[in-house]
N, C-alpha and C. Protein backbone atom coordinates (compact mmCIF):
# COMPACT_ATOMS: atom_id res chain seq x y z
N MET A 1 20.64 -6.95 32.59
CA MET A 1 20.55 -7.17 31.04
C MET A 1 20.62 -5.84 30.40
N ASN A 2 21.32 -5.83 29.25
CA ASN A 2 21.51 -4.49 28.49
C ASN A 2 20.40 -4.62 27.43
N ASN A 3 19.57 -3.82 27.53
CA ASN A 3 18.40 -3.72 26.47
C ASN A 3 18.59 -2.40 25.54
N ASP A 4 19.66 -1.94 25.29
CA ASP A 4 19.84 -0.97 24.28
C ASP A 4 19.63 -1.32 22.90
N LEU A 5 18.79 -0.57 22.06
CA LEU A 5 18.54 -1.02 20.68
C LEU A 5 19.19 0.08 19.80
N TYR A 6 19.77 -0.45 18.69
CA TYR A 6 20.38 0.41 17.78
C TYR A 6 20.04 0.03 16.40
N ILE A 7 20.15 1.11 15.51
CA ILE A 7 19.85 0.71 14.12
C ILE A 7 21.38 0.77 13.40
N PRO A 8 21.64 -0.28 12.83
CA PRO A 8 23.00 -0.22 12.22
C PRO A 8 23.13 0.64 11.18
N MET A 9 24.35 1.38 10.92
CA MET A 9 24.59 2.36 9.80
C MET A 9 24.85 1.56 8.62
N GLY A 10 24.36 2.05 7.44
CA GLY A 10 24.65 1.47 6.28
C GLY A 10 23.82 0.34 5.74
N LEU A 11 22.66 0.15 6.44
CA LEU A 11 21.66 -1.01 6.08
C LEU A 11 20.94 -0.54 4.81
N LYS A 12 21.05 -1.40 3.76
CA LYS A 12 20.38 -1.09 2.66
C LYS A 12 19.02 -1.61 2.59
N SER A 13 17.96 -0.81 2.16
CA SER A 13 16.80 -1.46 2.07
C SER A 13 16.31 -1.98 0.82
N ASP A 14 17.11 -1.55 -0.24
CA ASP A 14 16.90 -2.19 -1.57
C ASP A 14 18.24 -2.69 -2.03
N LYS A 15 18.15 -3.51 -3.16
CA LYS A 15 19.33 -4.06 -3.82
C LYS A 15 20.00 -2.88 -4.67
N GLU A 16 21.34 -2.71 -4.58
CA GLU A 16 21.86 -1.62 -5.46
C GLU A 16 22.66 -2.34 -6.50
N VAL A 17 22.35 -1.77 -7.79
CA VAL A 17 23.14 -2.23 -8.95
C VAL A 17 24.65 -1.89 -8.94
N ILE A 18 24.75 -0.51 -8.76
CA ILE A 18 25.98 0.00 -8.41
C ILE A 18 25.97 0.90 -7.12
N GLN A 19 27.09 1.33 -6.65
CA GLN A 19 27.01 1.91 -5.25
C GLN A 19 26.13 3.26 -5.37
N GLY A 20 25.13 3.34 -4.64
CA GLY A 20 24.25 4.45 -4.58
C GLY A 20 23.09 4.48 -5.75
N PHE A 21 22.98 3.50 -6.40
CA PHE A 21 21.93 3.35 -7.52
C PHE A 21 21.33 2.17 -7.48
N GLY A 22 20.02 2.11 -7.08
CA GLY A 22 19.17 0.98 -7.36
C GLY A 22 18.31 1.10 -8.50
N MET A 23 17.40 0.18 -8.73
CA MET A 23 16.60 0.07 -9.88
C MET A 23 15.82 1.50 -9.86
N LYS A 24 15.16 1.90 -8.87
CA LYS A 24 14.42 3.12 -8.79
C LYS A 24 15.25 4.38 -9.21
N GLU A 25 16.49 4.30 -8.79
CA GLU A 25 17.34 5.45 -9.30
C GLU A 25 17.72 5.46 -10.62
N PHE A 26 17.84 4.17 -11.20
CA PHE A 26 18.12 3.99 -12.62
C PHE A 26 16.90 4.51 -13.59
N ILE A 27 15.77 4.23 -13.08
CA ILE A 27 14.40 4.67 -13.83
C ILE A 27 14.51 6.15 -13.82
N LEU A 28 14.66 6.84 -12.58
CA LEU A 28 14.70 8.25 -12.61
C LEU A 28 15.79 8.84 -13.35
N MET A 29 16.86 8.18 -13.43
CA MET A 29 18.03 8.74 -14.30
C MET A 29 17.59 8.50 -15.76
N GLY A 30 16.89 7.59 -16.09
CA GLY A 30 16.52 7.32 -17.46
C GLY A 30 15.48 8.52 -17.86
N PHE A 31 14.55 8.95 -16.96
CA PHE A 31 13.72 10.10 -17.22
C PHE A 31 14.62 11.25 -17.32
N CYS A 32 15.59 11.43 -16.50
CA CYS A 32 16.67 12.61 -16.49
C CYS A 32 17.41 12.64 -17.89
N VAL A 33 17.79 11.57 -18.38
CA VAL A 33 18.54 11.48 -19.51
C VAL A 33 17.56 11.79 -20.78
N ALA A 34 16.28 11.33 -20.60
CA ALA A 34 15.31 11.78 -21.70
C ALA A 34 15.15 13.32 -21.84
N ILE A 35 14.95 13.84 -20.54
CA ILE A 35 14.68 15.25 -20.44
C ILE A 35 16.01 16.06 -20.95
N SER A 36 17.14 15.62 -20.50
CA SER A 36 18.35 16.33 -20.96
C SER A 36 18.42 16.32 -22.43
N LEU A 37 18.07 15.27 -23.06
CA LEU A 37 18.28 15.04 -24.54
C LEU A 37 17.19 15.95 -25.33
N ILE A 38 15.85 15.94 -24.71
CA ILE A 38 15.13 16.77 -25.41
C ILE A 38 15.34 18.34 -25.15
N VAL A 39 15.69 18.81 -24.08
CA VAL A 39 16.24 20.18 -23.73
C VAL A 39 17.33 20.53 -24.57
N GLY A 40 18.30 19.64 -24.71
CA GLY A 40 19.45 19.92 -25.49
C GLY A 40 19.15 20.05 -27.07
N ALA A 41 18.27 19.22 -27.52
CA ALA A 41 17.75 19.22 -28.90
C ALA A 41 16.96 20.56 -29.06
N LEU A 42 16.20 20.88 -28.27
CA LEU A 42 15.44 22.18 -28.36
C LEU A 42 16.44 23.32 -28.39
N ILE A 43 17.37 23.40 -27.44
CA ILE A 43 18.24 24.51 -27.45
C ILE A 43 19.01 24.52 -28.86
N TRP A 44 19.55 23.30 -29.16
CA TRP A 44 20.24 23.24 -30.45
C TRP A 44 19.40 23.77 -31.68
N LEU A 45 18.13 23.51 -31.70
CA LEU A 45 17.26 23.91 -32.91
C LEU A 45 16.99 25.39 -32.74
N ILE A 46 16.87 25.89 -31.59
CA ILE A 46 16.53 27.36 -31.48
C ILE A 46 17.86 28.23 -31.67
N PHE A 47 18.90 27.88 -31.02
CA PHE A 47 20.07 28.72 -30.97
C PHE A 47 21.30 28.22 -32.02
N SER A 48 21.12 26.97 -32.55
CA SER A 48 22.10 26.38 -33.45
C SER A 48 23.51 26.31 -32.83
N SER A 49 23.58 26.23 -31.50
CA SER A 49 24.86 26.15 -30.81
C SER A 49 24.90 24.68 -30.17
N SER A 50 25.87 24.06 -30.82
CA SER A 50 26.05 22.57 -30.14
C SER A 50 26.78 22.79 -28.84
N THR A 51 27.57 23.68 -28.63
CA THR A 51 28.26 23.85 -27.30
C THR A 51 27.21 24.13 -26.15
N VAL A 52 26.47 24.95 -26.37
CA VAL A 52 25.32 25.37 -25.40
C VAL A 52 24.49 24.29 -25.08
N SER A 53 24.07 23.54 -26.27
CA SER A 53 23.11 22.50 -26.05
C SER A 53 23.80 21.31 -25.25
N LEU A 54 25.08 21.02 -25.67
CA LEU A 54 25.81 19.88 -24.88
C LEU A 54 25.88 20.28 -23.45
N PHE A 55 26.34 21.44 -23.07
CA PHE A 55 26.47 21.70 -21.66
C PHE A 55 25.20 21.85 -20.97
N THR A 56 24.25 22.35 -21.49
CA THR A 56 22.84 22.38 -20.91
C THR A 56 22.38 20.88 -20.63
N GLY A 57 22.53 19.96 -21.53
CA GLY A 57 22.14 18.48 -21.31
C GLY A 57 23.05 17.88 -20.32
N LEU A 58 24.34 18.26 -20.18
CA LEU A 58 25.18 17.63 -19.46
C LEU A 58 24.94 18.24 -17.93
N ALA A 59 24.51 19.58 -17.86
CA ALA A 59 24.20 20.09 -16.54
C ALA A 59 22.84 19.28 -15.96
N ILE A 60 22.04 19.14 -16.74
CA ILE A 60 20.76 18.45 -16.44
C ILE A 60 21.03 17.06 -15.85
N PHE A 61 21.88 16.34 -16.53
CA PHE A 61 22.21 14.92 -16.35
C PHE A 61 22.97 14.97 -14.94
N LEU A 62 23.93 15.90 -14.84
CA LEU A 62 24.70 15.78 -13.56
C LEU A 62 23.91 16.29 -12.36
N THR A 63 23.01 17.04 -12.63
CA THR A 63 22.21 17.51 -11.48
C THR A 63 21.23 16.33 -10.96
N GLY A 64 20.88 15.58 -12.02
CA GLY A 64 20.01 14.17 -11.62
C GLY A 64 20.88 13.37 -10.93
N ILE A 65 22.16 13.23 -11.33
CA ILE A 65 22.97 12.25 -10.45
C ILE A 65 23.10 12.76 -9.06
N LEU A 66 23.28 14.17 -8.81
CA LEU A 66 23.45 14.74 -7.44
C LEU A 66 22.16 14.54 -6.66
N LEU A 67 21.03 14.64 -7.33
CA LEU A 67 19.76 14.52 -6.69
C LEU A 67 19.44 13.10 -6.31
N PHE A 68 19.60 12.01 -7.14
CA PHE A 68 19.23 10.70 -7.02
C PHE A 68 20.33 9.75 -6.27
N ARG A 69 21.46 9.98 -6.27
CA ARG A 69 22.38 9.09 -5.71
C ARG A 69 22.31 9.00 -4.20
N LYS A 70 22.23 7.80 -3.83
CA LYS A 70 22.12 7.73 -2.24
C LYS A 70 23.37 7.69 -1.55
N ASN A 71 23.49 8.22 -0.47
CA ASN A 71 24.63 8.31 0.48
C ASN A 71 24.81 6.80 0.98
N GLU A 72 26.16 6.35 1.00
CA GLU A 72 26.35 5.06 1.50
C GLU A 72 26.26 4.85 3.14
N ASN A 73 26.37 6.06 3.80
CA ASN A 73 26.21 5.85 5.12
C ASN A 73 24.68 6.16 5.68
N THR A 74 24.02 6.96 5.09
CA THR A 74 22.66 7.24 5.55
C THR A 74 21.65 6.70 4.61
N ASN A 75 21.99 6.16 3.47
CA ASN A 75 20.99 5.53 2.54
C ASN A 75 19.89 6.47 2.22
N GLN A 76 20.25 7.77 1.92
CA GLN A 76 19.25 8.65 1.64
C GLN A 76 19.89 9.50 0.64
N SER A 77 19.10 9.88 -0.42
CA SER A 77 19.64 10.90 -1.41
C SER A 77 19.26 12.27 -1.10
N PHE A 78 19.87 13.42 -1.85
CA PHE A 78 19.52 14.66 -1.52
C PHE A 78 17.99 15.00 -1.75
N LEU A 79 17.43 14.26 -2.73
CA LEU A 79 16.00 14.42 -2.93
C LEU A 79 15.13 13.94 -1.73
N ASP A 80 15.54 12.89 -1.16
CA ASP A 80 14.91 12.20 0.07
C ASP A 80 15.02 13.34 1.16
N LEU A 81 16.20 13.98 1.42
CA LEU A 81 16.47 14.96 2.42
C LEU A 81 15.48 16.25 2.23
N ILE A 82 15.44 16.53 1.01
CA ILE A 82 14.41 17.75 0.70
C ILE A 82 12.98 17.30 0.96
N LEU A 83 12.53 16.16 0.64
CA LEU A 83 11.33 15.65 0.73
C LEU A 83 10.98 15.42 2.25
N HIS A 84 11.96 15.18 3.07
CA HIS A 84 11.79 15.02 4.59
C HIS A 84 11.58 16.43 5.17
N MET A 85 12.32 17.44 4.65
CA MET A 85 12.16 18.79 5.09
C MET A 85 10.81 19.35 4.89
N VAL A 86 10.41 19.20 3.63
CA VAL A 86 9.06 19.49 3.29
C VAL A 86 8.02 18.78 4.09
N ASP A 87 8.02 17.60 4.32
CA ASP A 87 7.06 17.08 5.25
C ASP A 87 7.19 17.56 6.62
N TYR A 88 8.29 17.81 7.07
CA TYR A 88 8.45 18.45 8.53
C TYR A 88 7.75 19.74 8.43
N LEU A 89 8.11 20.69 7.53
CA LEU A 89 7.52 22.01 7.48
C LEU A 89 6.12 21.98 7.30
N LYS A 90 5.48 21.01 6.69
CA LYS A 90 3.96 20.87 6.51
C LYS A 90 3.35 20.44 7.83
N GLY A 91 4.08 19.69 8.70
CA GLY A 91 3.61 19.26 9.89
C GLY A 91 3.58 20.24 10.99
N VAL A 92 4.50 21.21 10.90
CA VAL A 92 4.69 22.15 12.00
C VAL A 92 3.49 23.16 12.01
N LYS A 93 3.10 23.23 13.33
CA LYS A 93 1.85 24.16 13.66
C LYS A 93 2.44 25.56 13.95
N HIS A 94 1.84 26.56 13.29
CA HIS A 94 2.24 28.05 13.51
C HIS A 94 1.05 28.58 14.45
N PHE A 95 1.47 29.13 15.46
CA PHE A 95 0.40 29.84 16.36
C PHE A 95 0.79 31.21 16.35
N LYS A 96 -0.10 32.20 16.22
CA LYS A 96 0.04 33.53 16.33
C LYS A 96 0.25 33.87 17.88
N TYR A 97 1.14 34.70 18.31
CA TYR A 97 1.13 35.15 19.72
C TYR A 97 0.45 36.51 19.79
N VAL A 98 -0.47 36.60 20.74
CA VAL A 98 -1.07 38.00 21.00
C VAL A 98 -0.84 38.18 22.42
N HIS A 99 -0.16 39.30 22.58
CA HIS A 99 0.17 39.81 23.89
C HIS A 99 -0.88 40.45 24.52
N LEU A 100 -1.51 40.09 25.64
CA LEU A 100 -2.52 40.72 26.35
C LEU A 100 -2.01 41.08 27.84
N ASN A 101 -2.46 42.21 28.26
CA ASN A 101 -2.26 42.51 29.62
C ASN A 101 -3.01 41.59 30.68
N GLU A 102 -2.33 40.83 31.31
CA GLU A 102 -3.02 39.90 32.24
C GLU A 102 -3.82 40.71 33.43
N TRP A 103 -3.41 41.80 33.76
CA TRP A 103 -4.06 42.57 34.83
C TRP A 103 -5.39 43.27 34.38
N GLU A 104 -5.56 43.52 33.01
CA GLU A 104 -6.69 44.23 32.51
C GLU A 104 -7.86 43.24 32.40
N VAL A 105 -7.75 42.00 32.33
CA VAL A 105 -8.70 41.08 32.17
C VAL A 105 -9.91 41.07 33.18
């Protein structure tokens, strides 16, 4: 009897509204849009340059898309991968190595 277990690729844990974006990602993108509008407005008020404020707001918005969009194969976003790496690095124990001469003990 074959008892091999496998996890199917592309299994979605949440319902997606569009590909890569569920409700959680849309809420995060809403915050990202609000932040980009606020920063763009502040830059426009300070420098009076609509071009710089437009590109700054657009850069913040596109960075949010890159961070929050889930991959269709792994069902993880770039932010999820960064959080996994941080959790791993917090869990790794570091031990100092002290070289002792074993014959002098």
